[in-house]
């Protein structure tokens, strides 16, 4: 019986090794290419090491105790029926975990404030703003400064902070570029802010990290980091060689279905803000995480009325941001 159990154990171990070997190419989280990803990798390593200080001795002691105190005829273990307490052992197995949990707590608080998604990155370069909108089942990216838009493709200059503003047209999703930083949720009626940066040129994997239905697995996109010169040349190429994204074109993108990469030389003004506020009643404003505002899109027939409404909307957004900061 024992040889069969040993053989079965060996086969299970080998099967696990084979299955886990297929994950080696997917460990891109531990190969960061930006400051945020690098800090998050450090946090992962610190947490694993601190947890291992507890887990490894416990697992080794468990195996030793099972082997040392197994039932056998020639056992020479001392018989101590009245033993029930050891101050030294109690101090060890309660004291060490408490110290480790305290250290983990301090580290977690430190990194939580340092890696706040809406916190701008320290840089002598102004951040590039990219608006990311989750659709079913594709990503629409608009560049307000450049006046261009793309589907399932982002190009950014290396070594320059990127300010992503993220929302969802319908279903809640999650925006994630593993090698540059952690994910942030894309939610309808909200504009979330995420600051990332690529420290070196490369092609990085991006995806929707939240289940949103039948074709959610196809919600992937490429992120290409290039030099400033290559980025500027790409922007000029898109403006010169691709059609504009019209209102009808956007409505077609919102229809359920996957999509290949697409490029547009322009897009409707205020498109991202309209998506954020599409489920809000007249006079309301969308919640914006990380400062800024989603300005109201109103007809230009009455200038005084529009100025009054914009003033009220600006105050509403500041109030919403203040309430979020107090959570």
C-alpha atoms as a PDB file:
ATOM      1  CA  UNK A   1       0.000   0.000   0.000  1.00  0.00           C
ATOM      2  CA  UNK A   2       2.781   2.440   0.966  1.00  0.00           C
ATOM      3  CA  UNK A   3       4.651   2.136  -2.372  1.00  0.00           C
ATOM      4  CA  UNK A   4       1.413   3.021  -4.172  1.00  0.00           C
ATOM      5  CA  UNK A   5       0.892   6.086  -1.977  1.00  0.00           C
ATOM      6  CA  UNK A   6       4.475   7.220  -2.588  1.00  0.00           C
ATOM      7  CA  UNK A   7       4.055   6.736  -6.337  1.00  0.00           C
ATOM      8  CA  UNK A   8       0.781   8.682  -6.308  1.00  0.00           C
ATOM      9  CA  UNK A   9       2.392  11.515  -4.325  1.00  0.00           C
ATOM     10  CA  UNK A  10       5.292  11.682  -6.778  1.00  0.00           C
ATOM     11  CA  UNK A  11       2.909  11.811  -9.739  1.00  0.00           C
ATOM     12  CA  UNK A  12       0.898  14.628  -8.151  1.00  0.00           C
ATOM     13  CA  UNK A  13       4.054  16.648  -7.519  1.00  0.00           C
ATOM     14  CA  UNK A  14       5.244  16.154 -11.098  1.00  0.00           C
ATOM     15  CA  UNK A  15       1.808  17.117 -12.462  1.00  0.00           C
ATOM     16  CA  UNK A  16       1.830  20.331 -10.417  1.00  0.00           C
ATOM     17  CA  UNK A  17       5.325  21.146 -11.688  1.00  0.00           C
ATOM     18  CA  UNK A  18       4.214  20.693 -15.300  1.00  0.00           C
ATOM     19  CA  UNK A  19       1.086  22.821 -14.823  1.00  0.00           C
ATOM     20  CA  UNK A  20       2.935  25.615 -13.031  1.00  0.00           C
ATOM     21  CA  UNK A  21       5.689  25.680 -15.651  1.00  0.00           C
ATOM     22  CA  UNK A  22       3.137  27.046 -18.106  1.00  0.00           C
ATOM     23  CA  UNK A  23       2.711  30.135 -15.916  1.00  0.00           C
ATOM     24  CA  UNK A  24       6.336  31.262 -16.208  1.00  0.00           C
ATOM     25  CA  UNK A  25       5.697  33.420 -19.268  1.00  0.00           C
ATOM     26  CA  UNK A  26       2.722  35.097 -17.593  1.00  0.00           C
ATOM     27  CA  UNK A  27       4.657  36.401 -14.568  1.00  0.00           C
ATOM     28  CA  UNK A  28       4.945  39.840 -16.158  1.00  0.00           C
ATOM     29  CA  UNK A  29       3.838  41.489 -12.909  1.00  0.00           C
ATOM     30  CA  UNK A  30       7.301  40.616 -11.546  1.00  0.00           C
ATOM     31  CA  UNK A  31       8.985  42.189 -14.592  1.00  0.00           C
ATOM     32  CA  UNK A  32       7.931  45.829 -14.173  1.00  0.00           C
ATOM     33  CA  UNK A  33       8.905  48.562 -16.633  1.00  0.00           C
ATOM     34  CA  UNK A  34       7.767  51.608 -14.686  1.00  0.00           C
ATOM     35  CA  UNK A  35       8.097  53.234 -11.228  1.00  0.00           C
ATOM     36  CA  UNK A  36       4.635  52.177 -10.031  1.00  0.00           C
ATOM     37  CA  UNK A  37       5.117  48.566 -11.150  1.00  0.00           C
ATOM     38  CA  UNK A  38       8.562  48.506  -9.510  1.00  0.00           C
ATOM     39  CA  UNK A  39       7.176  49.671  -6.165  1.00  0.00           C
ATOM     40  CA  UNK A  40       4.368  47.132  -6.333  1.00  0.00           C
ATOM     41  CA  UNK A  41       6.859  44.350  -7.060  1.00  0.00           C
ATOM     42  CA  UNK A  42       8.861  45.377  -3.988  1.00  0.00           C
ATOM     43  CA  UNK A  43       5.676  45.248  -1.905  1.00  0.00           C
ATOM     44  CA  UNK A  44       4.903  41.744  -3.198  1.00  0.00           C
ATOM     45  CA  UNK A  45       8.407  40.504  -2.341  1.00  0.00           C
ATOM     46  CA  UNK A  46       8.347  42.054   1.143  1.00  0.00           C
ATOM     47  CA  UNK A  47       4.954  40.527   1.889  1.00  0.00           C
ATOM     48  CA  UNK A  48       5.992  37.070   0.656  1.00  0.00           C
ATOM     49  CA  UNK A  49       9.198  37.135   2.731  1.00  0.00           C
ATOM     50  CA  UNK A  50       7.413  38.228   5.912  1.00  0.00           C
ATOM     51  CA  UNK A  51       4.691  35.604   5.443  1.00  0.00           C
ATOM     52  CA  UNK A  52       7.315  32.943   4.751  1.00  0.00           C
ATOM     53  CA  UNK A  53       8.893  33.649   8.160  1.00  0.00           C
ATOM     54  CA  UNK A  54       5.722  32.226   9.676  1.00  0.00           C
ATOM     55  CA  UNK A  55       4.571  29.724   7.074  1.00  0.00           C
ATOM     56  CA  UNK A  56       7.837  27.898   6.400  1.00  0.00           C
ATOM     57  CA  UNK A  57       8.607  27.042  10.079  1.00  0.00           C
ATOM     58  CA  UNK A  58       4.969  26.052  10.654  1.00  0.00           C
ATOM     59  CA  UNK A  59       4.952  23.705   7.660  1.00  0.00           C
ATOM     60  CA  UNK A  60       8.317  22.193   8.619  1.00  0.00           C
ATOM     61  CA  UNK A  61       7.254  21.732  12.229  1.00  0.00           C
ATOM     62  CA  UNK A  62       3.968  20.170  11.130  1.00  0.00           C
ATOM     63  CA  UNK A  63       5.817  17.595   9.044  1.00  0.00           C
ATOM     64  CA  UNK A  64       8.325  16.965  11.879  1.00  0.00           C
ATOM     65  CA  UNK A  65       5.611  16.528  14.520  1.00  0.00           C
ATOM     66  CA  UNK A  66       3.664  14.107  12.338  1.00  0.00           C
ATOM     67  CA  UNK A  67       6.806  12.075  11.749  1.00  0.00           C
ATOM     68  CA  UNK A  68       8.255  12.348  15.281  1.00  0.00           C
ATOM     69  CA  UNK A  69       5.067  11.454  17.139  1.00  0.00           C
ATOM     70  CA  UNK A  70       3.641   8.894  14.772  1.00  0.00           C
ATOM     71  CA  UNK A  71       2.239   5.720  16.268  1.00  0.00           C
ATOM     72  CA  UNK A  72       4.847   2.948  16.367  1.00  0.00           C
ATOM     73  CA  UNK A  73       5.591   0.000  18.601  1.00  0.00           C
ATOM     74  CA  UNK A  74       9.158   0.960  19.541  1.00  0.00           C
ATOM     75  CA  UNK A  75       8.362   4.608  20.316  1.00  0.00           C
ATOM     76  CA  UNK A  76      10.694   6.080  22.984  1.00  0.00           C
ATOM     77  CA  UNK A  77       8.915   9.410  23.317  1.00  0.00           C
ATOM     78  CA  UNK A  78       8.540  10.532  26.922  1.00  0.00           C
ATOM     79  CA  UNK A  79       5.055  10.258  28.421  1.00  0.00           C
ATOM     80  CA  UNK A  80       3.910  13.533  30.021  1.00  0.00           C
ATOM     81  CA  UNK A  81       0.163  13.296  30.735  1.00  0.00           C
ATOM     82  CA  UNK A  82       0.064  16.415  32.951  1.00  0.00           C
ATOM     83  CA  UNK A  83       1.972  18.792  30.630  1.00  0.00           C
ATOM     84  CA  UNK A  84      -0.289  21.549  29.339  1.00  0.00           C
ATOM     85  CA  UNK A  85       1.579  24.878  29.163  1.00  0.00           C
ATOM     86  CA  UNK A  86       4.908  26.377  28.173  1.00  0.00           C
ATOM     87  CA  UNK A  87       5.462  30.123  28.561  1.00  0.00           C
ATOM     88  CA  UNK A  88       8.436  30.002  26.208  1.00  0.00           C
ATOM     89  CA  UNK A  89       6.506  28.272  23.411  1.00  0.00           C
ATOM     90  CA  UNK A  90       3.429  30.500  23.875  1.00  0.00           C
ATOM     91  CA  UNK A  91       5.647  33.582  23.605  1.00  0.00           C
ATOM     92  CA  UNK A  92       7.238  32.290  20.402  1.00  0.00           C
ATOM     93  CA  UNK A  93       4.136  31.263  18.493  1.00  0.00           C
ATOM     94  CA  UNK A  94       2.154  34.353  19.505  1.00  0.00           C
ATOM     95  CA  UNK A  95       4.920  36.951  19.639  1.00  0.00           C
ATOM     96  CA  UNK A  96       6.498  36.371  16.220  1.00  0.00           C
ATOM     97  CA  UNK A  97       3.195  36.546  14.243  1.00  0.00           C
ATOM     98  CA  UNK A  98       2.155  39.714  16.139  1.00  0.00           C
ATOM     99  CA  UNK A  99       5.465  41.406  15.266  1.00  0.00           C
ATOM    100  CA  UNK A 100       5.177  40.358  11.608  1.00  0.00           C
ATOM    101  CA  UNK A 101       1.565  41.573  11.360  1.00  0.00           C
ATOM    102  CA  UNK A 102       2.629  44.917  12.846  1.00  0.00           C
ATOM    103  CA  UNK A 103       5.445  45.227  10.293  1.00  0.00           C
ATOM    104  CA  UNK A 104       3.037  44.298   7.477  1.00  0.00           C
ATOM    105  CA  UNK A 105       0.601  46.925   8.703  1.00  0.00           C
ATOM    106  CA  UNK A 106       3.227  49.682   8.655  1.00  0.00           C
ATOM    107  CA  UNK A 107       4.441  48.652   5.181  1.00  0.00           C
ATOM    108  CA  UNK A 108       0.879  48.440   3.827  1.00  0.00           C
ATOM    109  CA  UNK A 109      -0.030  51.914   5.104  1.00  0.00           C
ATOM    110  CA  UNK A 110       3.209  53.370   3.685  1.00  0.00           C
ATOM    111  CA  UNK A 111       2.709  51.872   0.223  1.00  0.00           C
ATOM    112  CA  UNK A 112      -1.026  52.644   0.224  1.00  0.00           C
ATOM    113  CA  UNK A 113      -0.304  56.367   0.428  1.00  0.00           C
ATOM    114  CA  UNK A 114       2.690  56.229  -1.913  1.00  0.00           C
ATOM    115  CA  UNK A 115       0.818  54.269  -4.593  1.00  0.00           C
ATOM    116  CA  UNK A 116      -2.494  56.154  -4.468  1.00  0.00           C
ATOM    117  CA  UNK A 117      -3.614  55.892  -8.143  1.00  0.00           C
ATOM    118  CA  UNK A 118      -4.617  59.555  -8.452  1.00  0.00           C
ATOM    119  CA  UNK A 119      -1.322  60.826  -7.016  1.00  0.00           C
ATOM    120  CA  UNK A 120       0.756  62.476  -9.796  1.00  0.00           C
ATOM    121  CA  UNK A 121       4.203  61.052 -10.479  1.00  0.00           C
ATOM    122  CA  UNK A 122       7.234  63.181  -9.704  1.00  0.00           C
ATOM    123  CA  UNK A 123       8.681  64.295 -13.038  1.00  0.00           C
ATOM    124  CA  UNK A 124       9.960  67.383 -14.823  1.00  0.00           C
ATOM    125  CA  UNK A 125       7.673  66.486 -17.754  1.00  0.00           C
ATOM    126  CA  UNK A 126       3.989  67.335 -17.938  1.00  0.00           C
ATOM    127  CA  UNK A 127       1.754  64.225 -17.906  1.00  0.00           C
ATOM    128  CA  UNK A 128       0.086  63.051 -21.097  1.00  0.00           C
ATOM    129  CA  UNK A 129      -3.669  62.655 -20.613  1.00  0.00           C
ATOM    130  CA  UNK A 130      -5.345  59.588 -22.119  1.00  0.00           C
ATOM    131  CA  UNK A 131      -9.042  58.869 -21.632  1.00  0.00           C
ATOM    132  CA  UNK A 132      -9.900  55.154 -21.486  1.00  0.00           C
ATOM    133  CA  UNK A 133     -13.491  54.029 -22.008  1.00  0.00           C
ATOM    134  CA  UNK A 134     -14.529  50.427 -21.468  1.00  0.00           C
ATOM    135  CA  UNK A 135     -17.018  49.203 -24.105  1.00  0.00           C
ATOM    136  CA  UNK A 136     -18.505  45.751 -24.769  1.00  0.00           C
ATOM    137  CA  UNK A 137     -16.011  44.201 -25.541  1.00  0.00           C
ATOM    138  CA  UNK A 138     -13.293  46.660 -26.527  1.00  0.00           C
ATOM    139  CA  UNK A 139     -11.367  49.661 -25.232  1.00  0.00           C
ATOM    140  CA  UNK A 140     -11.679  53.150 -26.701  1.00  0.00           C
ATOM    141  CA  UNK A 141      -8.789  55.527 -25.994  1.00  0.00           C
ATOM    142  CA  UNK A 142      -9.064  59.256 -26.673  1.00  0.00           C
ATOM    143  CA  UNK A 143      -6.153  61.700 -26.594  1.00  0.00           C
ATOM    144  CA  UNK A 144      -7.665  65.130 -25.764  1.00  0.00           C
ATOM    145  CA  UNK A 145      -4.356  66.941 -26.227  1.00  0.00           C
ATOM    146  CA  UNK A 146      -3.662  65.329 -29.598  1.00  0.00           C
ATOM    147  CA  UNK A 147      -7.248  65.153 -30.854  1.00  0.00           C
ATOM    148  CA  UNK A 148      -6.941  61.494 -31.931  1.00  0.00           C
ATOM    149  CA  UNK A 149      -8.446  58.229 -30.696  1.00  0.00           C
ATOM    150  CA  UNK A 150      -7.744  54.510 -30.939  1.00  0.00           C
ATOM    151  CA  UNK A 151      -9.380  51.190 -30.225  1.00  0.00           C
ATOM    152  CA  UNK A 152      -7.425  48.479 -28.374  1.00  0.00           C
ATOM    153  CA  UNK A 153      -4.123  50.308 -28.848  1.00  0.00           C
ATOM    154  CA  UNK A 154      -2.140  52.872 -26.884  1.00  0.00           C
ATOM    155  CA  UNK A 155       1.109  54.563 -27.869  1.00  0.00           C
ATOM    156  CA  UNK A 156       2.954  56.622 -25.288  1.00  0.00           C
ATOM    157  CA  UNK A 157       6.319  58.352 -24.997  1.00  0.00           C
ATOM    158  CA  UNK A 158       8.792  56.658 -22.678  1.00  0.00           C
ATOM    159  CA  UNK A 159       9.918  58.287 -19.438  1.00  0.00           C
ATOM    160  CA  UNK A 160       6.878  60.599 -19.349  1.00  0.00           C
ATOM    161  CA  UNK A 161       4.029  60.343 -16.828  1.00  0.00           C
ATOM    162  CA  UNK A 162       0.688  59.235 -18.256  1.00  0.00           C
ATOM    163  CA  UNK A 163      -2.547  60.351 -16.620  1.00  0.00           C
ATOM    164  CA  UNK A 164      -5.252  57.844 -17.477  1.00  0.00           C
ATOM    165  CA  UNK A 165      -8.863  58.861 -16.937  1.00  0.00           C
ATOM    166  CA  UNK A 166     -10.922  55.680 -16.872  1.00  0.00           C
ATOM    167  CA  UNK A 167     -14.651  55.096 -17.177  1.00  0.00           C
ATOM    168  CA  UNK A 168     -17.098  52.499 -18.522  1.00  0.00           C
ATOM    169  CA  UNK A 169     -19.915  52.919 -21.002  1.00  0.00           C
ATOM    170  CA  UNK A 170     -22.018  50.141 -19.456  1.00  0.00           C
ATOM    171  CA  UNK A 171     -20.702  47.145 -17.516  1.00  0.00           C
ATOM    172  CA  UNK A 172     -18.123  47.656 -14.800  1.00  0.00           C
ATOM    173  CA  UNK A 173     -14.630  46.634 -15.862  1.00  0.00           C
ATOM    174  CA  UNK A 174     -11.018  46.933 -14.752  1.00  0.00           C
ATOM    175  CA  UNK A 175      -8.170  48.683 -16.588  1.00  0.00           C
ATOM    176  CA  UNK A 176      -4.793  46.964 -16.176  1.00  0.00           C
ATOM    177  CA  UNK A 177      -1.301  47.227 -17.674  1.00  0.00           C
ATOM    178  CA  UNK A 178       0.576  44.688 -15.488  1.00  0.00           C
ATOM    179  CA  UNK A 179       4.151  45.812 -16.246  1.00  0.00           C
ATOM    180  CA  UNK A 180       3.393  49.466 -15.589  1.00  0.00           C
ATOM    181  CA  UNK A 181       1.182  49.230 -12.501  1.00  0.00           C
ATOM    182  CA  UNK A 182      -1.857  47.839 -10.787  1.00  0.00           C
ATOM    183  CA  UNK A 183      -5.408  47.840 -12.078  1.00  0.00           C
ATOM    184  CA  UNK A 184      -8.122  50.395 -11.463  1.00  0.00           C
ATOM    185  CA  UNK A 185     -11.854  49.857 -11.896  1.00  0.00           C
ATOM    186  CA  UNK A 186     -13.751  51.374 -14.812  1.00  0.00           C
ATOM    187  CA  UNK A 187     -17.271  52.281 -13.684  1.00  0.00           C
ATOM    188  CA  UNK A 188     -20.150  54.010 -15.403  1.00  0.00           C
ATOM    189  CA  UNK A 189     -20.906  57.434 -13.999  1.00  0.00           C
ATOM    190  CA  UNK A 190     -17.369  57.816 -12.647  1.00  0.00           C
ATOM    191  CA  UNK A 191     -14.025  58.989 -14.014  1.00  0.00           C
ATOM    192  CA  UNK A 192     -11.193  57.266 -12.175  1.00  0.00           C
ATOM    193  CA  UNK A 193      -7.629  58.606 -12.373  1.00  0.00           C
ATOM    194  CA  UNK A 194      -4.532  56.433 -12.695  1.00  0.00           C
ATOM    195  CA  UNK A 195      -0.952  57.676 -13.126  1.00  0.00           C
ATOM    196  CA  UNK A 196       1.557  55.355 -14.794  1.00  0.00           C
ATOM    197  CA  UNK A 197       4.859  55.643 -16.638  1.00  0.00           C
ATOM    198  CA  UNK A 198       6.999  53.447 -18.902  1.00  0.00           C
ATOM    199  CA  UNK A 199      10.717  53.780 -18.142  1.00  0.00           C
ATOM    200  CA  UNK A 200      11.888  52.147 -21.348  1.00  0.00           C
ATOM    201  CA  UNK A 201      10.642  51.459 -24.890  1.00  0.00           C
ATOM    202  CA  UNK A 202       8.688  48.275 -25.417  1.00  0.00           C
ATOM    203  CA  UNK A 203       5.381  46.638 -26.243  1.00  0.00           C
ATOM    204  CA  UNK A 204       3.350  45.958 -23.125  1.00  0.00           C
ATOM    205  CA  UNK A 205       0.234  43.888 -22.520  1.00  0.00           C
ATOM    206  CA  UNK A 206      -2.970  45.519 -21.327  1.00  0.00           C
ATOM    207  CA  UNK A 207      -6.378  44.042 -20.577  1.00  0.00           C
ATOM    208  CA  UNK A 208      -9.737  44.317 -18.909  1.00  0.00           C
ATOM    209  CA  UNK A 209      -9.234  42.416 -15.650  1.00  0.00           C
ATOM    210  CA  UNK A 210     -12.898  42.068 -14.715  1.00  0.00           C
ATOM    211  CA  UNK A 211     -15.419  39.533 -16.037  1.00  0.00           C
ATOM    212  CA  UNK A 212     -17.950  41.371 -18.216  1.00  0.00           C
ATOM    213  CA  UNK A 213     -19.603  38.686 -20.278  1.00  0.00           C
ATOM    214  CA  UNK A 214     -19.146  36.444 -23.278  1.00  0.00           C
ATOM    215  CA  UNK A 215     -16.152  38.093 -25.007  1.00  0.00           C
ATOM    216  CA  UNK A 216     -14.421  39.682 -22.007  1.00  0.00           C
ATOM    217  CA  UNK A 217     -11.273  37.635 -22.739  1.00  0.00           C
ATOM    218  CA  UNK A 218     -10.860  39.591 -25.988  1.00  0.00           C
ATOM    219  CA  UNK A 219     -10.686  42.914 -24.149  1.00  0.00           C
ATOM    220  CA  UNK A 220      -6.929  43.143 -24.502  1.00  0.00           C
ATOM    221  CA  UNK A 221      -4.869  45.982 -25.918  1.00  0.00           C
ATOM    222  CA  UNK A 222      -1.264  46.785 -26.804  1.00  0.00           C
ATOM    223  CA  UNK A 223       0.679  49.559 -25.108  1.00  0.00           C
ATOM    224  CA  UNK A 224       3.685  50.696 -27.130  1.00  0.00           C
ATOM    225  CA  UNK A 225       6.241  52.950 -25.437  1.00  0.00           C
ATOM    226  CA  UNK A 226       8.533  54.812 -27.837  1.00  0.00           C
ATOM    227  CA  UNK A 227      10.837  57.826 -27.944  1.00  0.00           C
ATOM    228  CA  UNK A 228       9.296  61.308 -28.083  1.00  0.00           C
ATOM    229  CA  UNK A 229      10.184  61.593 -31.760  1.00  0.00           C
ATOM    230  CA  UNK A 230       8.524  58.280 -32.640  1.00  0.00           C
ATOM    231  CA  UNK A 231       5.455  59.231 -30.637  1.00  0.00           C
ATOM    232  CA  UNK A 232       5.081  62.577 -32.429  1.00  0.00           C
ATOM    233  CA  UNK A 233       5.531  60.858 -35.794  1.00  0.00           C
ATOM    234  CA  UNK A 234       2.816  58.340 -34.886  1.00  0.00           C
ATOM    235  CA  UNK A 235       0.391  61.107 -33.915  1.00  0.00           C
ATOM    236  CA  UNK A 236       0.988  62.859 -37.253  1.00  0.00           C
ATOM    237  CA  UNK A 237       0.469  59.581 -39.113  1.00  0.00           C
ATOM    238  CA  UNK A 238      -2.864  58.939 -37.384  1.00  0.00           C
ATOM    239  CA  UNK A 239      -4.062  62.477 -38.110  1.00  0.00           C
ATOM    240  CA  UNK A 240      -3.062  62.203 -41.772  1.00  0.00           C
ATOM    241  CA  UNK A 241      -3.990  58.650 -42.744  1.00  0.00           C
ATOM    242  CA  UNK A 242      -7.081  57.644 -40.770  1.00  0.00           C
ATOM    243  CA  UNK A 243     -10.757  58.705 -40.761  1.00  0.00           C
ATOM    244  CA  UNK A 244     -12.513  60.684 -38.040  1.00  0.00           C
ATOM    245  CA  UNK A 245     -14.592  58.993 -35.350  1.00  0.00           C
ATOM    246  CA  UNK A 246     -18.114  60.298 -35.834  1.00  0.00           C
ATOM    247  CA  UNK A 247     -21.125  60.109 -33.517  1.00  0.00           C
ATOM    248  CA  UNK A 248     -22.487  57.250 -35.618  1.00  0.00           C
ATOM    249  CA  UNK A 249     -19.104  55.552 -35.498  1.00  0.00           C
ATOM    250  CA  UNK A 250     -19.065  55.781 -31.709  1.00  0.00           C
ATOM    251  CA  UNK A 251     -22.588  54.336 -31.486  1.00  0.00           C
ATOM    252  CA  UNK A 252     -21.387  51.412 -33.570  1.00  0.00           C
ATOM    253  CA  UNK A 253     -18.443  50.887 -31.202  1.00  0.00           C
ATOM    254  CA  UNK A 254     -20.834  50.706 -28.259  1.00  0.00           C
ATOM    255  CA  UNK A 255     -22.576  47.720 -29.811  1.00  0.00           C
ATOM    256  CA  UNK A 256     -21.663  44.393 -28.231  1.00  0.00           C
ATOM    257  CA  UNK A 257     -18.786  42.657 -29.989  1.00  0.00           C
ATOM    258  CA  UNK A 258     -14.993  42.358 -30.063  1.00  0.00           C
ATOM    259  CA  UNK A 259     -12.850  44.576 -32.273  1.00  0.00           C
ATOM    260  CA  UNK A 260      -9.447  44.737 -33.901  1.00  0.00           C
ATOM    261  CA  UNK A 261      -7.193  47.754 -33.466  1.00  0.00           C
ATOM    262  CA  UNK A 262      -8.622  50.923 -34.991  1.00  0.00           C
ATOM    263  CA  UNK A 263      -7.307  54.476 -35.376  1.00  0.00           C
ATOM    264  CA  UNK A 264      -9.158  57.777 -35.779  1.00  0.00           C
ATOM    265  CA  UNK A 265      -7.828  61.212 -36.726  1.00  0.00           C
ATOM    266  CA  UNK A 266     -10.396  62.957 -34.503  1.00  0.00           C
ATOM    267  CA  UNK A 267     -13.370  62.300 -32.221  1.00  0.00           C
ATOM    268  CA  UNK A 268     -16.497  64.187 -31.103  1.00  0.00           C
ATOM    269  CA  UNK A 269     -15.718  66.983 -28.643  1.00  0.00           C
ATOM    270  CA  UNK A 270     -16.534  66.116 -25.029  1.00  0.00           C
ATOM    271  CA  UNK A 271     -17.083  62.431 -25.832  1.00  0.00           C
ATOM    272  CA  UNK A 272     -15.476  61.078 -22.655  1.00  0.00           C
ATOM    273  CA  UNK A 273     -17.408  63.470 -20.400  1.00  0.00           C
ATOM    274  CA  UNK A 274     -20.663  62.533 -22.121  1.00  0.00           C
ATOM    275  CA  UNK A 275     -20.014  58.849 -21.445  1.00  0.00           C
ATOM    276  CA  UNK A 276     -19.317  59.596 -17.769  1.00  0.00           C
ATOM    277  CA  UNK A 277     -22.552  61.548 -17.340  1.00  0.00           C
ATOM    278  CA  UNK A 278     -24.896  59.612 -19.621  1.00  0.00           C
ATOM    279  CA  UNK A 279     -26.831  58.004 -16.740  1.00  0.00           C
ATOM    280  CA  UNK A 280     -27.069  61.185 -14.679  1.00  0.00           C
ATOM    281  CA  UNK A 281     -30.128  63.412 -14.704  1.00  0.00           C
ATOM    282  CA  UNK A 282     -30.133  66.930 -16.069  1.00  0.00           C
ATOM    283  CA  UNK A 283     -27.992  69.274 -13.995  1.00  0.00           C
ATOM    284  CA  UNK A 284     -26.041  66.418 -12.344  1.00  0.00           C
ATOM    285  CA  UNK A 285     -22.335  65.752 -12.554  1.00  0.00           C
ATOM    286  CA  UNK A 286     -20.271  62.608 -12.666  1.00  0.00           C
ATOM    287  CA  UNK A 287     -18.008  61.659  -9.786  1.00  0.00           C
ATOM    288  CA  UNK A 288     -14.342  62.217 -10.593  1.00  0.00           C
ATOM    289  CA  UNK A 289     -11.745  60.339  -8.563  1.00  0.00           C
ATOM    290  CA  UNK A 290      -8.444  62.173  -8.337  1.00  0.00           C
ATOM    291  CA  UNK A 291      -9.396  65.816  -8.884  1.00  0.00           C
ATOM    292  CA  UNK A 292     -10.266  67.666 -12.051  1.00  0.00           C
ATOM    293  CA  UNK A 293     -13.772  67.983 -13.388  1.00  0.00           C
ATOM    294  CA  UNK A 294     -16.124  66.637 -15.976  1.00  0.00           C
ATOM    295  CA  UNK A 295     -17.495  69.869 -17.369  1.00  0.00           C
ATOM    296  CA  UNK A 296     -21.118  69.964 -18.462  1.00  0.00           C
ATOM    297  CA  UNK A 297     -21.859  69.858 -22.188  1.00  0.00           C
ATOM    298  CA  UNK A 298     -24.601  72.414 -22.766  1.00  0.00           C
ATOM    299  CA  UNK A 299     -25.910  74.270 -25.820  1.00  0.00           C
ATOM    300  CA  UNK A 300     -24.385  77.688 -26.451  1.00  0.00           C
ATOM    301  CA  UNK A 301     -27.692  79.507 -26.938  1.00  0.00           C
ATOM    302  CA  UNK A 302     -27.667  81.274 -23.548  1.00  0.00           C
ATOM    303  CA  UNK A 303     -24.199  82.350 -22.407  1.00  0.00           C
ATOM    304  CA  UNK A 304     -25.255  83.621 -18.973  1.00  0.00           C
ATOM    305  CA  UNK A 305     -27.235  80.475 -18.233  1.00  0.00           C
ATOM    306  CA  UNK A 306     -24.330  78.275 -19.289  1.00  0.00           C
ATOM    307  CA  UNK A 307     -21.887  80.219 -17.110  1.00  0.00           C
ATOM    308  CA  UNK A 308     -24.240  79.831 -14.133  1.00  0.00           C
ATOM    309  CA  UNK A 309     -24.681  76.079 -14.767  1.00  0.00           C
ATOM    310  CA  UNK A 310     -20.928  75.535 -15.202  1.00  0.00           C
ATOM    311  CA  UNK A 311     -20.325  77.365 -11.913  1.00  0.00           C
ATOM    312  CA  UNK A 312     -22.827  75.117 -10.130  1.00  0.00           C
ATOM    313  CA  UNK A 313     -21.364  71.985 -11.761  1.00  0.00           C
ATOM    314  CA  UNK A 314     -17.844  72.994 -10.769  1.00  0.00           C
ATOM    315  CA  UNK A 315     -18.965  73.372  -7.165  1.00  0.00           C
ATOM    316  CA  UNK A 316     -20.676  69.962  -7.274  1.00  0.00           C
ATOM    317  CA  UNK A 317     -17.528  68.262  -8.542  1.00  0.00           C
ATOM    318  CA  UNK A 318     -15.392  69.915  -5.849  1.00  0.00           C
ATOM    319  CA  UNK A 319     -17.850  68.703  -3.215  1.00  0.00           C
ATOM    320  CA  UNK A 320     -17.774  65.153  -4.605  1.00  0.00           C
ATOM    321  CA  UNK A 321     -13.961  65.167  -4.628  1.00  0.00           C
ATOM    322  CA  UNK A 322     -13.861  66.463  -1.033  1.00  0.00           C
ATOM    323  CA  UNK A 323     -16.253  63.743   0.106  1.00  0.00           C
ATOM    324  CA  UNK A 324     -14.099  61.086  -1.574  1.00  0.00           C
ATOM    325  CA  UNK A 325     -10.942  62.433   0.063  1.00  0.00           C
ATOM    326  CA  UNK A 326     -12.572  62.138   3.460  1.00  0.00           C
ATOM    327  CA  UNK A 327     -13.321  58.414   3.148  1.00  0.00           C
END
